[in-house]
Amino acid sequence: MAKANFDLPMDILEKVVKAAGAKSKREAIIIALDAYLKRKQIEELLAAEGKLFLNWSKKSLAKHRKSS
């Protein structure tokens, strides 16, 4: 775990604690960071929509499902 000291705006931090239902400021920051990363992953997936070509037949897909 990394330790860091930051001068954060208390009004925003208190809003995040309340909105997240967090028990501490630390927990609120972790929740906010996790939500940010999830949102970025969704944005990347949406940006890739329609750009990936999958050449699977029903037969090859069935074979893949059985092997998993």
N, C-alpha and C. Protein backbone atom coordinates (compact mmCIF):
# COMPACT_ATOMS: atom_id res chain seq x y z
N MET A 1 0.85 -1.17 0.00
CA MET A 1 0.00 0.00 0.00
C MET A 1 0.89 1.23 0.00
N ALA A 2 0.55 2.16 -0.86
CA ALA A 2 1.31 3.40 -0.96
C ALA A 2 0.69 4.46 -0.06
N LYS A 3 1.55 5.23 0.57
CA LYS A 3 1.07 6.33 1.39
C LYS A 3 1.34 7.62 0.63
N ALA A 4 0.39 8.53 0.71
CA ALA A 4 0.53 9.80 0.03
C ALA A 4 -0.21 10.87 0.82
N ASN A 5 0.32 12.05 0.75
CA ASN A 5 -0.33 13.20 1.39
C ASN A 5 -0.80 14.14 0.30
N PHE A 6 -2.09 14.46 0.34
CA PHE A 6 -2.66 15.36 -0.65
C PHE A 6 -3.49 16.41 0.05
N ASP A 7 -3.52 17.57 -0.53
CA ASP A 7 -4.38 18.64 -0.05
C ASP A 7 -5.64 18.60 -0.90
N LEU A 8 -6.67 17.91 -0.40
CA LEU A 8 -7.90 17.72 -1.15
C LEU A 8 -8.96 18.72 -0.70
N PRO A 9 -9.79 19.17 -1.63
CA PRO A 9 -10.89 20.07 -1.24
C PRO A 9 -11.88 19.32 -0.34
N MET A 10 -12.03 19.78 0.88
CA MET A 10 -12.85 19.08 1.86
C MET A 10 -14.32 19.02 1.46
N ASP A 11 -14.83 20.08 0.82
CA ASP A 11 -16.24 20.08 0.44
C ASP A 11 -16.53 18.97 -0.56
N ILE A 12 -15.64 18.78 -1.53
CA ILE A 12 -15.83 17.71 -2.52
C ILE A 12 -15.67 16.34 -1.86
N LEU A 13 -14.66 16.20 -1.02
CA LEU A 13 -14.42 14.93 -0.35
C LEU A 13 -15.60 14.54 0.53
N GLU A 14 -16.17 15.49 1.23
CA GLU A 14 -17.34 15.20 2.07
C GLU A 14 -18.54 14.77 1.22
N LYS A 15 -18.70 15.38 0.05
CA LYS A 15 -19.78 14.98 -0.85
C LYS A 15 -19.58 13.55 -1.35
N VAL A 16 -18.33 13.20 -1.64
CA VAL A 16 -18.02 11.84 -2.10
C VAL A 16 -18.28 10.83 -0.99
N VAL A 17 -17.88 11.15 0.22
CA VAL A 17 -18.13 10.26 1.37
C VAL A 17 -19.63 10.01 1.51
N LYS A 18 -20.41 11.07 1.42
CA LYS A 18 -21.87 10.95 1.58
C LYS A 18 -22.48 10.17 0.41
N ALA A 19 -22.10 10.52 -0.81
CA ALA A 19 -22.67 9.87 -1.99
C ALA A 19 -22.31 8.39 -2.06
N ALA A 20 -21.11 8.04 -1.62
CA ALA A 20 -20.65 6.66 -1.67
C ALA A 20 -21.14 5.85 -0.48
N GLY A 21 -21.62 6.52 0.53
CA GLY A 21 -22.04 5.81 1.74
C GLY A 21 -20.83 5.22 2.46
N ALA A 22 -19.70 5.89 2.31
CA ALA A 22 -18.45 5.39 2.88
C ALA A 22 -18.38 5.71 4.37
N LYS A 23 -17.63 4.88 5.08
CA LYS A 23 -17.47 5.07 6.51
C LYS A 23 -16.27 5.96 6.83
N SER A 24 -15.40 6.16 5.83
CA SER A 24 -14.23 6.99 6.05
C SER A 24 -13.86 7.70 4.75
N LYS A 25 -12.99 8.70 4.88
CA LYS A 25 -12.51 9.41 3.70
C LYS A 25 -11.69 8.47 2.82
N ARG A 26 -10.90 7.63 3.44
CA ARG A 26 -10.08 6.67 2.70
C ARG A 26 -10.96 5.75 1.86
N GLU A 27 -12.01 5.22 2.46
CA GLU A 27 -12.91 4.32 1.76
C GLU A 27 -13.59 5.06 0.59
N ALA A 28 -13.96 6.32 0.81
CA ALA A 28 -14.60 7.10 -0.25
C ALA A 28 -13.65 7.30 -1.43
N ILE A 29 -12.40 7.56 -1.15
CA ILE A 29 -11.41 7.75 -2.22
C ILE A 29 -11.22 6.46 -3.00
N ILE A 30 -11.15 5.34 -2.32
CA ILE A 30 -10.99 4.04 -2.99
C ILE A 30 -12.21 3.75 -3.87
N ILE A 31 -13.41 4.01 -3.36
CA ILE A 31 -14.63 3.80 -4.14
C ILE A 31 -14.62 4.69 -5.38
N ALA A 32 -14.23 5.95 -5.20
CA ALA A 32 -14.21 6.89 -6.32
C ALA A 32 -13.18 6.47 -7.37
N LEU A 33 -12.02 6.03 -6.95
CA LEU A 33 -10.99 5.58 -7.90
C LEU A 33 -11.44 4.34 -8.65
N ASP A 34 -12.07 3.42 -7.93
CA ASP A 34 -12.56 2.20 -8.57
C ASP A 34 -13.64 2.52 -9.60
N ALA A 35 -14.55 3.43 -9.25
CA ALA A 35 -15.61 3.83 -10.18
C ALA A 35 -15.02 4.50 -11.42
N TYR A 36 -13.99 5.31 -11.23
CA TYR A 36 -13.33 5.97 -12.35
C TYR A 36 -12.72 4.94 -13.31
N LEU A 37 -12.03 3.95 -12.75
CA LEU A 37 -11.41 2.92 -13.59
C LEU A 37 -12.46 2.11 -14.35
N LYS A 38 -13.55 1.77 -13.70
CA LYS A 38 -14.62 1.03 -14.37
C LYS A 38 -15.22 1.85 -15.50
N ARG A 39 -15.42 3.15 -15.27
CA ARG A 39 -15.97 4.01 -16.30
C ARG A 39 -15.03 4.09 -17.50
N LYS A 40 -13.73 4.18 -17.25
CA LYS A 40 -12.75 4.20 -18.34
C LYS A 40 -12.76 2.90 -19.13
N GLN A 41 -12.89 1.77 -18.46
CA GLN A 41 -12.97 0.48 -19.16
C GLN A 41 -14.20 0.43 -20.06
N ILE A 42 -15.32 0.92 -19.58
CA ILE A 42 -16.54 0.95 -20.37
C ILE A 42 -16.36 1.86 -21.59
N GLU A 43 -15.72 3.01 -21.39
CA GLU A 43 -15.47 3.93 -22.51
C GLU A 43 -14.60 3.26 -23.57
N GLU A 44 -13.58 2.52 -23.14
CA GLU A 44 -12.70 1.83 -24.09
C GLU A 44 -13.46 0.75 -24.86
N LEU A 45 -14.32 0.01 -24.17
CA LEU A 45 -15.12 -1.01 -24.84
C LEU A 45 -16.09 -0.38 -25.84
N LEU A 46 -16.71 0.71 -25.46
CA LEU A 46 -17.63 1.38 -26.37
C LEU A 46 -16.90 1.95 -27.58
N ALA A 47 -15.68 2.43 -27.38
CA ALA A 47 -14.90 2.96 -28.49
C ALA A 47 -14.51 1.84 -29.47
N ALA A 48 -14.37 0.62 -28.97
CA ALA A 48 -13.98 -0.52 -29.81
C ALA A 48 -15.18 -1.18 -30.48
N GLU A 49 -16.40 -0.74 -30.13
CA GLU A 49 -17.60 -1.36 -30.68
C GLU A 49 -17.60 -1.28 -32.21
N GLY A 50 -17.80 -2.43 -32.82
CA GLY A 50 -17.85 -2.51 -34.27
C GLY A 50 -16.50 -2.56 -34.94
N LYS A 51 -15.43 -2.50 -34.18
CA LYS A 51 -14.08 -2.50 -34.76
C LYS A 51 -13.40 -3.86 -34.70
N LEU A 52 -13.98 -4.78 -33.97
CA LEU A 52 -13.41 -6.11 -33.85
C LEU A 52 -14.20 -7.06 -34.74
N PHE A 53 -13.48 -7.83 -35.51
CA PHE A 53 -14.12 -8.78 -36.40
C PHE A 53 -13.90 -10.18 -35.85
N LEU A 54 -14.98 -10.85 -35.54
CA LEU A 54 -14.91 -12.22 -35.05
C LEU A 54 -15.43 -13.13 -36.15
N ASN A 55 -14.61 -14.03 -36.57
CA ASN A 55 -14.97 -14.94 -37.65
C ASN A 55 -15.25 -16.32 -37.07
N TRP A 56 -16.29 -16.42 -36.27
CA TRP A 56 -16.64 -17.69 -35.65
C TRP A 56 -17.91 -18.23 -36.28
N SER A 57 -17.87 -19.50 -36.56
CA SER A 57 -19.07 -20.16 -37.04
C SER A 57 -19.80 -20.74 -35.83
N LYS A 58 -21.01 -21.22 -36.04
CA LYS A 58 -21.74 -21.84 -34.94
C LYS A 58 -20.98 -23.05 -34.43
N LYS A 59 -20.36 -23.79 -35.34
CA LYS A 59 -19.63 -25.00 -34.97
C LYS A 59 -18.40 -24.66 -34.13
N SER A 60 -17.62 -23.68 -34.55
CA SER A 60 -16.41 -23.32 -33.80
C SER A 60 -16.78 -22.70 -32.46
N LEU A 61 -17.86 -21.95 -32.40
CA LEU A 61 -18.31 -21.36 -31.14
C LEU A 61 -18.75 -22.44 -30.17
N ALA A 62 -19.48 -23.44 -30.66
CA ALA A 62 -19.91 -24.55 -29.82
C ALA A 62 -18.71 -25.32 -29.28
N LYS A 63 -17.71 -25.51 -30.13
CA LYS A 63 -16.49 -26.21 -29.71
C LYS A 63 -15.77 -25.41 -28.63
N HIS A 64 -15.69 -24.13 -28.80
CA HIS A 64 -15.04 -23.26 -27.81
C HIS A 64 -15.78 -23.30 -26.47
N ARG A 65 -17.10 -23.28 -26.52
CA ARG A 65 -17.89 -23.32 -25.29
C ARG A 65 -17.72 -24.63 -24.53
N LYS A 66 -17.59 -25.74 -25.27
CA LYS A 66 -17.40 -27.03 -24.63
C LYS A 66 -16.04 -27.13 -23.95
N SER A 67 -15.03 -26.46 -24.53
CA SER A 67 -13.68 -26.56 -23.98
C SER A 67 -13.49 -25.66 -22.76
N SER A 68 -14.40 -24.70 -22.54
CA SER A 68 -14.26 -23.78 -21.41
C SER A 68 -14.81 -24.34 -20.14
